[in-house]
Amino acid sequence: MIAWFSDAFGSELTQRALLAGLLVAVTTSLIGTWVVVRGLSFMGDALAHGVLPGIALAFLWGLDVTLGALVSAALMVGGINLVNRRAHLSEDTGIGLLFVGMLALGVVIISREDTYAGDLTAFLFGDILGVRPPQLRMQAVVAGLTLLAVAVLYRPFLALSFNREKAAALGQRPALAHAAMLALLALAIVASFRVVGTLLVFGLLVAPPATATLVVRRLPAAMAASVALGCLAVVVGLATSYHQDTAAAATVAGVAVAQFFVALAVRETVAFLRSRRPAVDPGPPAPGAAPAGSTSAPASTG
């Protein structure tokens, strides 16, 4: 088993891919825990796809695609808020509209290039085996910023996750906390798409935190478990991809999702076995003891 992993990560190329994947797992798992707890998975999915027009335009104009992704993410968040406030529609409606519209716009822009298929594949699925040192440094900075922000904003995020009105009453400023959470979410997606792609970053953003919530209850423990599960998915996924000659980023995301269903199956099996366990016979009552189920008070000695 050790040789199976050592062979997979014996080259500098796969070692860089492993480091990049671990940094992505840390970043997405930390903010992804809050995404799962608050039920913002649809928002995460929409943002992961909504950055595509900015990426496409930056690519065509010869600019930094990360900058294009940031601008696109900011426009999408602003558009969702605009639809929500001006059209008096639910936030889910705004997310759905912008999700489809931005994805369609991105594909239309990329389709004007002769290398349409190759460019679209790279943007959607990433190139984890082609990660370069500058990208690693940027991913490390984003992972550090995410860890710091999650630690500093833990109390506002916690209050916001349970009750927005109570968070306001406690002076936690829920609107600002919500904006900070969305900013961290967008930053995690923008920093990670060049490694695992806009399509598959959503898998690492949701799957490890969702799995963690199945096995632990406390939020700090859930974040730690999510990071561990995400890193495990990266290691196993990359090693499997190396030996089975499969797409690296897709294999990592697939392992992350598989972890959830394995944990769910184990939990349901344990619950079923416990429900089938016969009740323990308490045995005969002790001499002078009241019968089982008796609620009568002992006689007064007065």
C-alpha atoms as a PDB file:
ATOM      1  CA  MET A   1       0.000   0.000   0.000  1.00  0.00           C
ATOM      2  CA  ILE A   2       2.829   2.413   0.827  1.00  0.00           C
ATOM      3  CA  ALA A   3       4.462   1.671  -2.514  1.00  0.00           C
ATOM      4  CA  TRP A   4       1.157   2.382  -4.245  1.00  0.00           C
ATOM      5  CA  PHE A   5       1.192   5.949  -2.916  1.00  0.00           C
ATOM      6  CA  SER A   6       4.954   6.492  -3.190  1.00  0.00           C
ATOM      7  CA  ASP A   7       4.914   5.524  -6.875  1.00  0.00           C
ATOM      8  CA  ALA A   8       2.069   7.949  -7.543  1.00  0.00           C
ATOM      9  CA  PHE A   9       3.861  10.898  -5.918  1.00  0.00           C
ATOM     10  CA  GLY A  10       7.406  10.102  -6.967  1.00  0.00           C
ATOM     11  CA  SER A  11       7.724  12.878  -9.558  1.00  0.00           C
ATOM     12  CA  GLU A  12       7.906  16.641  -9.092  1.00  0.00           C
ATOM     13  CA  LEU A  13       4.811  17.034 -11.285  1.00  0.00           C
ATOM     14  CA  THR A  14       2.576  14.897  -9.069  1.00  0.00           C
ATOM     15  CA  GLN A  15       4.089  16.369  -5.905  1.00  0.00           C
ATOM     16  CA  ARG A  16       3.080  19.867  -7.029  1.00  0.00           C
ATOM     17  CA  ALA A  17      -0.371  18.550  -7.896  1.00  0.00           C
ATOM     18  CA  LEU A  18      -0.639  16.997  -4.420  1.00  0.00           C
ATOM     19  CA  LEU A  19       0.374  20.230  -2.677  1.00  0.00           C
ATOM     20  CA  ALA A  20      -2.031  22.268  -4.795  1.00  0.00           C
ATOM     21  CA  GLY A  21      -4.847  19.822  -4.125  1.00  0.00           C
ATOM     22  CA  LEU A  22      -4.234  19.885  -0.378  1.00  0.00           C
ATOM     23  CA  LEU A  23      -4.300  23.697  -0.342  1.00  0.00           C
ATOM     24  CA  VAL A  24      -7.549  23.685  -2.320  1.00  0.00           C
ATOM     25  CA  ALA A  25      -9.021  21.137   0.100  1.00  0.00           C
ATOM     26  CA  VAL A  26      -8.142  23.313   3.104  1.00  0.00           C
ATOM     27  CA  THR A  27      -9.602  26.449   1.515  1.00  0.00           C
ATOM     28  CA  THR A  28     -12.825  24.930   0.224  1.00  0.00           C
ATOM     29  CA  SER A  29     -13.448  22.774   3.305  1.00  0.00           C
ATOM     30  CA  LEU A  30     -13.212  25.687   5.743  1.00  0.00           C
ATOM     31  CA  ILE A  31     -15.646  27.957   3.956  1.00  0.00           C
ATOM     32  CA  GLY A  32     -17.623  24.980   2.633  1.00  0.00           C
ATOM     33  CA  THR A  33     -18.610  24.003   6.168  1.00  0.00           C
ATOM     34  CA  TRP A  34     -20.458  27.302   6.538  1.00  0.00           C
ATOM     35  CA  VAL A  35     -21.946  26.891   3.054  1.00  0.00           C
ATOM     36  CA  VAL A  36     -23.426  23.513   4.043  1.00  0.00           C
ATOM     37  CA  VAL A  37     -24.592  24.671   7.487  1.00  0.00           C
ATOM     38  CA  ARG A  38     -26.335  27.742   6.072  1.00  0.00           C
ATOM     39  CA  GLY A  39     -27.818  25.924   3.070  1.00  0.00           C
ATOM     40  CA  LEU A  40     -25.894  28.000   0.528  1.00  0.00           C
ATOM     41  CA  SER A  41     -24.901  25.084  -1.701  1.00  0.00           C
ATOM     42  CA  PHE A  42     -26.884  26.462  -4.646  1.00  0.00           C
ATOM     43  CA  MET A  43     -25.095  29.789  -4.252  1.00  0.00           C
ATOM     44  CA  GLY A  44     -21.745  27.976  -4.280  1.00  0.00           C
ATOM     45  CA  ASP A  45     -22.692  26.064  -7.408  1.00  0.00           C
ATOM     46  CA  ALA A  46     -23.862  29.242  -9.124  1.00  0.00           C
ATOM     47  CA  LEU A  47     -20.685  31.137  -8.260  1.00  0.00           C
ATOM     48  CA  ALA A  48     -18.519  28.236  -9.418  1.00  0.00           C
ATOM     49  CA  HIS A  49     -20.126  28.491 -12.855  1.00  0.00           C
ATOM     50  CA  GLY A  50     -20.789  32.219 -12.837  1.00  0.00           C
ATOM     51  CA  VAL A  51     -17.095  33.113 -13.021  1.00  0.00           C
ATOM     52  CA  LEU A  52     -16.858  31.601 -16.511  1.00  0.00           C
ATOM     53  CA  PRO A  53     -17.631  34.801 -18.525  1.00  0.00           C
ATOM     54  CA  GLY A  54     -14.922  36.768 -16.732  1.00  0.00           C
ATOM     55  CA  ILE A  55     -12.442  33.941 -17.249  1.00  0.00           C
ATOM     56  CA  ALA A  56     -13.336  33.698 -20.931  1.00  0.00           C
ATOM     57  CA  LEU A  57     -13.025  37.433 -21.588  1.00  0.00           C
ATOM     58  CA  ALA A  58      -9.734  37.702 -19.701  1.00  0.00           C
ATOM     59  CA  PHE A  59      -8.405  34.748 -21.694  1.00  0.00           C
ATOM     60  CA  LEU A  60      -9.433  36.269 -25.027  1.00  0.00           C
ATOM     61  CA  TRP A  61      -8.030  39.698 -24.141  1.00  0.00           C
ATOM     62  CA  GLY A  62      -4.754  38.290 -22.844  1.00  0.00           C
ATOM     63  CA  LEU A  63      -5.367  39.330 -19.237  1.00  0.00           C
ATOM     64  CA  ASP A  64      -4.975  37.394 -15.995  1.00  0.00           C
ATOM     65  CA  VAL A  65      -7.890  34.963 -15.838  1.00  0.00           C
ATOM     66  CA  THR A  66      -7.912  35.179 -12.032  1.00  0.00           C
ATOM     67  CA  LEU A  67      -8.716  38.889 -12.269  1.00  0.00           C
ATOM     68  CA  GLY A  68     -11.476  38.133 -14.748  1.00  0.00           C
ATOM     69  CA  ALA A  69     -12.923  35.511 -12.414  1.00  0.00           C
ATOM     70  CA  LEU A  70     -12.934  37.971  -9.500  1.00  0.00           C
ATOM     71  CA  VAL A  71     -14.772  40.618 -11.532  1.00  0.00           C
ATOM     72  CA  SER A  72     -17.280  38.047 -12.768  1.00  0.00           C
ATOM     73  CA  ALA A  73     -17.921  36.752  -9.238  1.00  0.00           C
ATOM     74  CA  ALA A  74     -18.467  40.306  -7.941  1.00  0.00           C
ATOM     75  CA  LEU A  75     -20.914  41.061 -10.774  1.00  0.00           C
ATOM     76  CA  MET A  76     -22.833  37.865 -10.072  1.00  0.00           C
ATOM     77  CA  VAL A  77     -23.211  38.573  -6.358  1.00  0.00           C
ATOM     78  CA  GLY A  78     -24.319  42.121  -7.168  1.00  0.00           C
ATOM     79  CA  GLY A  79     -26.784  40.841  -9.751  1.00  0.00           C
ATOM     80  CA  ILE A  80     -28.327  38.375  -7.302  1.00  0.00           C
ATOM     81  CA  ASN A  81     -28.813  41.140  -4.725  1.00  0.00           C
ATOM     82  CA  LEU A  82     -30.307  43.424  -7.404  1.00  0.00           C
ATOM     83  CA  VAL A  83     -32.861  40.820  -8.492  1.00  0.00           C
ATOM     84  CA  ASN A  84     -33.712  40.079  -4.875  1.00  0.00           C
ATOM     85  CA  ARG A  85     -34.280  43.729  -3.901  1.00  0.00           C
ATOM     86  CA  ARG A  86     -35.727  45.283  -7.060  1.00  0.00           C
ATOM     87  CA  ALA A  87     -37.810  42.431  -8.495  1.00  0.00           C
ATOM     88  CA  HIS A  88     -38.990  41.308  -5.041  1.00  0.00           C
ATOM     89  CA  LEU A  89     -38.203  37.691  -5.908  1.00  0.00           C
ATOM     90  CA  SER A  90     -36.598  35.094  -3.666  1.00  0.00           C
ATOM     91  CA  GLU A  91     -32.829  34.831  -3.545  1.00  0.00           C
ATOM     92  CA  ASP A  92     -33.021  31.359  -5.113  1.00  0.00           C
ATOM     93  CA  THR A  93     -34.732  32.855  -8.165  1.00  0.00           C
ATOM     94  CA  GLY A  94     -31.979  35.416  -8.615  1.00  0.00           C
ATOM     95  CA  ILE A  95     -29.313  32.741  -8.182  1.00  0.00           C
ATOM     96  CA  GLY A  96     -30.980  30.505 -10.763  1.00  0.00           C
ATOM     97  CA  LEU A  97     -31.320  33.310 -13.307  1.00  0.00           C
ATOM     98  CA  LEU A  98     -27.743  34.498 -12.938  1.00  0.00           C
ATOM     99  CA  PHE A  99     -26.419  30.936 -12.794  1.00  0.00           C
ATOM    100  CA  VAL A 100     -27.877  29.978 -16.185  1.00  0.00           C
ATOM    101  CA  GLY A 101     -27.235  33.365 -17.753  1.00  0.00           C
ATOM    102  CA  MET A 102     -23.579  33.640 -16.734  1.00  0.00           C
ATOM    103  CA  LEU A 103     -22.825  30.040 -17.695  1.00  0.00           C
ATOM    104  CA  ALA A 104     -24.462  30.517 -21.102  1.00  0.00           C
ATOM    105  CA  LEU A 105     -22.602  33.789 -21.659  1.00  0.00           C
ATOM    106  CA  GLY A 106     -19.281  32.174 -20.792  1.00  0.00           C
ATOM    107  CA  VAL A 107     -19.831  29.281 -23.202  1.00  0.00           C
ATOM    108  CA  VAL A 108     -20.914  31.703 -25.969  1.00  0.00           C
ATOM    109  CA  ILE A 109     -17.757  33.799 -25.501  1.00  0.00           C
ATOM    110  CA  ILE A 110     -15.454  30.767 -25.509  1.00  0.00           C
ATOM    111  CA  SER A 111     -17.229  29.259 -28.544  1.00  0.00           C
ATOM    112  CA  ARG A 112     -15.927  32.111 -30.715  1.00  0.00           C
ATOM    113  CA  GLU A 113     -12.422  30.720 -30.374  1.00  0.00           C
ATOM    114  CA  ASP A 114     -11.060  28.040 -32.684  1.00  0.00           C
ATOM    115  CA  THR A 115      -9.820  26.074 -29.672  1.00  0.00           C
ATOM    116  CA  TYR A 116     -13.308  26.171 -28.117  1.00  0.00           C
ATOM    117  CA  ALA A 117     -13.451  22.555 -26.916  1.00  0.00           C
ATOM    118  CA  GLY A 118      -9.996  22.557 -25.356  1.00  0.00           C
ATOM    119  CA  ASP A 119     -10.397  25.924 -23.653  1.00  0.00           C
ATOM    120  CA  LEU A 120     -13.815  25.036 -22.233  1.00  0.00           C
ATOM    121  CA  THR A 121     -12.525  21.719 -20.912  1.00  0.00           C
ATOM    122  CA  ALA A 122      -9.597  23.435 -19.178  1.00  0.00           C
ATOM    123  CA  PHE A 123     -11.830  26.056 -17.552  1.00  0.00           C
ATOM    124  CA  LEU A 124     -14.473  23.568 -16.409  1.00  0.00           C
ATOM    125  CA  PHE A 125     -12.229  20.707 -15.266  1.00  0.00           C
ATOM    126  CA  GLY A 126      -8.940  22.433 -14.440  1.00  0.00           C
ATOM    127  CA  ASP A 127      -5.408  21.133 -14.870  1.00  0.00           C
ATOM    128  CA  ILE A 128      -4.152  19.996 -11.496  1.00  0.00           C
ATOM    129  CA  LEU A 129      -1.135  18.290 -13.060  1.00  0.00           C
ATOM    130  CA  GLY A 130      -0.102  21.552 -14.732  1.00  0.00           C
ATOM    131  CA  VAL A 131       0.085  23.669 -11.578  1.00  0.00           C
ATOM    132  CA  ARG A 132       3.046  26.056 -11.457  1.00  0.00           C
ATOM    133  CA  PRO A 133       4.857  27.586  -8.431  1.00  0.00           C
ATOM    134  CA  PRO A 134       3.135  31.016  -8.753  1.00  0.00           C
ATOM    135  CA  GLN A 135      -0.265  29.326  -8.573  1.00  0.00           C
ATOM    136  CA  LEU A 136       0.870  27.342  -5.548  1.00  0.00           C
ATOM    137  CA  ARG A 137       1.946  30.524  -3.781  1.00  0.00           C
ATOM    138  CA  MET A 138      -1.377  32.215  -4.525  1.00  0.00           C
ATOM    139  CA  GLN A 139      -3.298  29.161  -3.295  1.00  0.00           C
ATOM    140  CA  ALA A 140      -1.249  29.125  -0.084  1.00  0.00           C
ATOM    141  CA  VAL A 141      -2.001  32.812   0.545  1.00  0.00           C
ATOM    142  CA  VAL A 142      -5.730  32.279  -0.037  1.00  0.00           C
ATOM    143  CA  ALA A 143      -5.749  29.233   2.265  1.00  0.00           C
ATOM    144  CA  GLY A 144      -4.070  31.292   4.996  1.00  0.00           C
ATOM    145  CA  LEU A 145      -6.480  34.205   4.542  1.00  0.00           C
ATOM    146  CA  THR A 146      -9.453  31.853   4.657  1.00  0.00           C
ATOM    147  CA  LEU A 147      -8.215  30.218   7.862  1.00  0.00           C
ATOM    148  CA  LEU A 148      -7.661  33.622   9.475  1.00  0.00           C
ATOM    149  CA  ALA A 149     -11.038  34.994   8.374  1.00  0.00           C
ATOM    150  CA  VAL A 150     -12.948  31.912   9.546  1.00  0.00           C
ATOM    151  CA  ALA A 151     -11.253  32.145  12.950  1.00  0.00           C
ATOM    152  CA  VAL A 152     -11.858  35.894  13.355  1.00  0.00           C
ATOM    153  CA  LEU A 153     -15.452  35.802  12.084  1.00  0.00           C
ATOM    154  CA  TYR A 154     -16.456  32.585  13.823  1.00  0.00           C
ATOM    155  CA  ARG A 155     -18.939  34.190  16.222  1.00  0.00           C
ATOM    156  CA  PRO A 156     -20.709  36.368  13.580  1.00  0.00           C
ATOM    157  CA  PHE A 157     -20.888  33.381  11.206  1.00  0.00           C
ATOM    158  CA  LEU A 158     -22.241  31.155  13.979  1.00  0.00           C
ATOM    159  CA  ALA A 159     -24.942  33.644  14.984  1.00  0.00           C
ATOM    160  CA  LEU A 160     -25.903  34.210  11.340  1.00  0.00           C
ATOM    161  CA  SER A 161     -26.197  30.471  10.700  1.00  0.00           C
ATOM    162  CA  PHE A 162     -28.787  29.968  13.425  1.00  0.00           C
ATOM    163  CA  ASN A 163     -30.927  33.097  13.393  1.00  0.00           C
ATOM    164  CA  ARG A 164     -30.419  36.325  11.473  1.00  0.00           C
ATOM    165  CA  GLU A 165     -32.701  38.354  13.763  1.00  0.00           C
ATOM    166  CA  LYS A 166     -30.979  37.160  16.928  1.00  0.00           C
ATOM    167  CA  ALA A 167     -27.608  37.853  15.336  1.00  0.00           C
ATOM    168  CA  ALA A 168     -28.705  41.459  14.771  1.00  0.00           C
ATOM    169  CA  ALA A 169     -29.996  41.701  18.346  1.00  0.00           C
ATOM    170  CA  LEU A 170     -26.606  40.509  19.607  1.00  0.00           C
ATOM    171  CA  GLY A 171     -24.850  43.212  17.589  1.00  0.00           C
ATOM    172  CA  GLN A 172     -23.172  40.736  15.223  1.00  0.00           C
ATOM    173  CA  ARG A 173     -24.145  42.704  12.057  1.00  0.00           C
ATOM    174  CA  PRO A 174     -25.555  39.798  10.004  1.00  0.00           C
ATOM    175  CA  ALA A 175     -25.595  41.706   6.702  1.00  0.00           C
ATOM    176  CA  LEU A 176     -21.865  42.338   6.971  1.00  0.00           C
ATOM    177  CA  ALA A 177     -21.232  38.749   8.066  1.00  0.00           C
ATOM    178  CA  HIS A 178     -23.240  37.469   5.088  1.00  0.00           C
ATOM    179  CA  ALA A 179     -21.246  39.673   2.701  1.00  0.00           C
ATOM    180  CA  ALA A 180     -17.979  38.465   4.226  1.00  0.00           C
ATOM    181  CA  MET A 181     -19.070  34.844   3.848  1.00  0.00           C
ATOM    182  CA  LEU A 182     -19.953  35.358   0.190  1.00  0.00           C
ATOM    183  CA  ALA A 183     -16.640  37.139  -0.378  1.00  0.00           C
ATOM    184  CA  LEU A 184     -14.738  34.207   1.134  1.00  0.00           C
ATOM    185  CA  LEU A 185     -16.781  31.798  -0.964  1.00  0.00           C
ATOM    186  CA  ALA A 186     -15.995  33.721  -4.150  1.00  0.00           C
ATOM    187  CA  LEU A 187     -12.315  33.956  -3.209  1.00  0.00           C
ATOM    188  CA  ALA A 188     -12.108  30.209  -2.589  1.00  0.00           C
ATOM    189  CA  ILE A 189     -13.710  29.457  -5.958  1.00  0.00           C
ATOM    190  CA  VAL A 190     -11.571  31.941  -7.890  1.00  0.00           C
ATOM    191  CA  ALA A 191      -8.356  30.699  -6.280  1.00  0.00           C
ATOM    192  CA  SER A 192      -9.203  27.045  -6.871  1.00  0.00           C
ATOM    193  CA  PHE A 193     -10.658  26.947 -10.375  1.00  0.00           C
ATOM    194  CA  ARG A 194      -7.231  26.818 -12.076  1.00  0.00           C
ATOM    195  CA  VAL A 195      -6.433  23.659 -10.122  1.00  0.00           C
ATOM    196  CA  VAL A 196      -9.664  21.647 -10.224  1.00  0.00           C
ATOM    197  CA  GLY A 197     -11.800  23.745 -12.599  1.00  0.00           C
ATOM    198  CA  THR A 198     -15.014  25.698 -12.081  1.00  0.00           C
ATOM    199  CA  LEU A 199     -17.149  22.568 -12.386  1.00  0.00           C
ATOM    200  CA  LEU A 200     -15.303  20.348  -9.935  1.00  0.00           C
ATOM    201  CA  VAL A 201     -14.435  22.951  -7.291  1.00  0.00           C
ATOM    202  CA  PHE A 202     -18.059  22.654  -6.224  1.00  0.00           C
ATOM    203  CA  GLY A 203     -17.472  18.988  -5.356  1.00  0.00           C
ATOM    204  CA  LEU A 204     -14.707  19.850  -2.892  1.00  0.00           C
ATOM    205  CA  LEU A 205     -16.691  22.799  -1.582  1.00  0.00           C
ATOM    206  CA  VAL A 206     -19.695  20.688  -0.557  1.00  0.00           C
ATOM    207  CA  ALA A 207     -18.796  16.981  -0.322  1.00  0.00           C
ATOM    208  CA  PRO A 208     -16.214  16.977   2.536  1.00  0.00           C
ATOM    209  CA  PRO A 209     -18.245  19.375   4.748  1.00  0.00           C
ATOM    210  CA  ALA A 210     -21.439  17.400   4.107  1.00  0.00           C
ATOM    211  CA  THR A 211     -19.642  14.185   5.059  1.00  0.00           C
ATOM    212  CA  ALA A 212     -18.227  15.806   8.189  1.00  0.00           C
ATOM    213  CA  THR A 213     -21.674  16.865   9.372  1.00  0.00           C
ATOM    214  CA  LEU A 214     -22.739  13.213   9.271  1.00  0.00           C
ATOM    215  CA  VAL A 215     -20.119  12.150  11.802  1.00  0.00           C
ATOM    216  CA  VAL A 216     -19.650  15.182  14.095  1.00  0.00           C
ATOM    217  CA  ARG A 217     -21.970  17.823  15.520  1.00  0.00           C
ATOM    218  CA  ARG A 218     -19.822  20.683  16.816  1.00  0.00           C
ATOM    219  CA  LEU A 219     -18.852  23.202  14.135  1.00  0.00           C
ATOM    220  CA  PRO A 220     -15.119  23.438  14.955  1.00  0.00           C
ATOM    221  CA  ALA A 221     -14.900  19.635  14.866  1.00  0.00           C
ATOM    222  CA  ALA A 222     -16.876  19.609  11.602  1.00  0.00           C
ATOM    223  CA  MET A 223     -14.420  22.036  10.001  1.00  0.00           C
ATOM    224  CA  ALA A 224     -11.448  19.960  11.153  1.00  0.00           C
ATOM    225  CA  ALA A 225     -13.083  16.746   9.915  1.00  0.00           C
ATOM    226  CA  SER A 226     -13.969  18.427   6.622  1.00  0.00           C
ATOM    227  CA  VAL A 227     -10.361  19.486   6.041  1.00  0.00           C
ATOM    228  CA  ALA A 228      -9.151  15.961   6.859  1.00  0.00           C
ATOM    229  CA  LEU A 229     -11.694  14.365   4.524  1.00  0.00           C
ATOM    230  CA  GLY A 230     -10.881  16.819   1.741  1.00  0.00           C
ATOM    231  CA  CYS A 231      -7.153  16.125   2.042  1.00  0.00           C
ATOM    232  CA  LEU A 232      -7.818  12.375   2.074  1.00  0.00           C
ATOM    233  CA  ALA A 233      -9.888  12.709  -1.106  1.00  0.00           C
ATOM    234  CA  VAL A 234      -7.027  14.569  -2.780  1.00  0.00           C
ATOM    235  CA  VAL A 235      -4.418  11.964  -1.829  1.00  0.00           C
ATOM    236  CA  VAL A 236      -6.543   8.944  -2.756  1.00  0.00           C
ATOM    237  CA  GLY A 237      -7.958  10.596  -5.870  1.00  0.00           C
ATOM    238  CA  LEU A 238      -4.583  11.607  -7.290  1.00  0.00           C
ATOM    239  CA  ALA A 239      -3.054   8.199  -6.543  1.00  0.00           C
ATOM    240  CA  THR A 240      -6.016   6.455  -8.172  1.00  0.00           C
ATOM    241  CA  SER A 241      -5.796   8.761 -11.169  1.00  0.00           C
ATOM    242  CA  TYR A 242      -2.087   7.963 -11.568  1.00  0.00           C
ATOM    243  CA  HIS A 243      -2.516   4.177 -11.462  1.00  0.00           C
ATOM    244  CA  GLN A 244      -5.805   3.973 -13.390  1.00  0.00           C
ATOM    245  CA  ASP A 245      -4.993   6.713 -15.936  1.00  0.00           C
ATOM    246  CA  THR A 246      -8.142   8.747 -15.234  1.00  0.00           C
ATOM    247  CA  ALA A 247      -8.770  12.493 -15.162  1.00  0.00           C
ATOM    248  CA  ALA A 248      -7.072  13.749 -11.998  1.00  0.00           C
ATOM    249  CA  ALA A 249      -9.424  16.515 -10.832  1.00  0.00           C
ATOM    250  CA  ALA A 250     -12.546  14.509 -11.658  1.00  0.00           C
ATOM    251  CA  THR A 251     -11.199  11.509  -9.752  1.00  0.00           C
ATOM    252  CA  VAL A 252     -10.511  13.667  -6.689  1.00  0.00           C
ATOM    253  CA  ALA A 253     -14.049  15.094  -6.778  1.00  0.00           C
ATOM    254  CA  GLY A 254     -15.473  11.612  -7.281  1.00  0.00           C
ATOM    255  CA  VAL A 255     -13.639  10.281  -4.224  1.00  0.00           C
ATOM    256  CA  ALA A 256     -14.918  13.223  -2.165  1.00  0.00           C
ATOM    257  CA  VAL A 257     -18.524  12.476  -3.134  1.00  0.00           C
ATOM    258  CA  ALA A 258     -18.015   8.732  -2.555  1.00  0.00           C
ATOM    259  CA  GLN A 259     -16.881   9.489   1.010  1.00  0.00           C
ATOM    260  CA  PHE A 260     -20.269  11.027   1.732  1.00  0.00           C
ATOM    261  CA  PHE A 261     -22.229   7.985   0.589  1.00  0.00           C
ATOM    262  CA  VAL A 262     -19.919   5.594   2.439  1.00  0.00           C
ATOM    263  CA  ALA A 263     -20.356   7.597   5.656  1.00  0.00           C
ATOM    264  CA  LEU A 264     -24.120   7.743   5.098  1.00  0.00           C
ATOM    265  CA  ALA A 265     -24.298   3.980   4.509  1.00  0.00           C
ATOM    266  CA  VAL A 266     -22.267   3.276   7.654  1.00  0.00           C
ATOM    267  CA  ARG A 267     -24.429   5.583   9.760  1.00  0.00           C
ATOM    268  CA  GLU A 268     -27.672   4.061   8.485  1.00  0.00           C
ATOM    269  CA  THR A 269     -26.353   0.533   9.023  1.00  0.00           C
ATOM    270  CA  VAL A 270     -25.358   1.313  12.606  1.00  0.00           C
ATOM    271  CA  ALA A 271     -28.757   2.903  13.269  1.00  0.00           C
ATOM    272  CA  PHE A 272     -30.539  -0.138  11.818  1.00  0.00           C
ATOM    273  CA  LEU A 273     -28.506  -2.585  13.912  1.00  0.00           C
ATOM    274  CA  ARG A 274     -29.216  -0.580  17.058  1.00  0.00           C
ATOM    275  CA  SER A 275     -32.937  -0.567  16.346  1.00  0.00           C
ATOM    276  CA  ARG A 276     -32.875  -4.369  15.977  1.00  0.00           C
ATOM    277  CA  ARG A 277     -31.014  -4.930  19.232  1.00  0.00           C
ATOM    278  CA  PRO A 278     -33.306  -6.611  21.837  1.00  0.00           C
ATOM    279  CA  ALA A 279     -34.070  -4.702  25.023  1.00  0.00           C
ATOM    280  CA  VAL A 280     -31.973  -5.716  28.020  1.00  0.00           C
ATOM    281  CA  ASP A 281     -33.974  -7.691  30.626  1.00  0.00           C
ATOM    282  CA  PRO A 282     -33.669  -5.782  33.922  1.00  0.00           C
ATOM    283  CA  GLY A 283     -34.134  -9.042  35.908  1.00  0.00           C
ATOM    284  CA  PRO A 284     -36.362  -9.637  38.940  1.00  0.00           C
ATOM    285  CA  PRO A 285     -37.004  -6.650  41.222  1.00  0.00           C
ATOM    286  CA  ALA A 286     -35.083  -6.396  44.469  1.00  0.00           C
ATOM    287  CA  PRO A 287     -36.930  -7.385  47.673  1.00  0.00           C
ATOM    288  CA  GLY A 288     -39.093  -4.492  48.867  1.00  0.00           C
ATOM    289  CA  ALA A 289     -38.674  -2.544  45.617  1.00  0.00           C
ATOM    290  CA  ALA A 290     -41.667  -0.883  43.995  1.00  0.00           C
ATOM    291  CA  PRO A 291     -43.005  -2.567  40.846  1.00  0.00           C
ATOM    292  CA  ALA A 292     -41.653  -1.267  37.530  1.00  0.00           C
ATOM    293  CA  GLY A 293     -43.546   1.778  36.334  1.00  0.00           C
ATOM    294  CA  SER A 294     -44.887   2.600  39.823  1.00  0.00           C
ATOM    295  CA  THR A 295     -45.011   6.323  40.506  1.00  0.00           C
ATOM    296  CA  SER A 296     -46.471   6.235  44.016  1.00  0.00           C
ATOM    297  CA  ALA A 297     -44.542   8.125  46.666  1.00  0.00           C
ATOM    298  CA  PRO A 298     -43.094   6.247  49.630  1.00  0.00           C
ATOM    299  CA  ALA A 299     -45.139   6.339  52.783  1.00  0.00           C
ATOM    300  CA  SER A 300     -44.377   9.097  55.221  1.00  0.00           C
ATOM    301  CA  THR A 301     -42.557   8.104  58.372  1.00  0.00           C
ATOM    302  CA  GLY A 302     -43.995  10.972  60.239  1.00  0.00           C
END
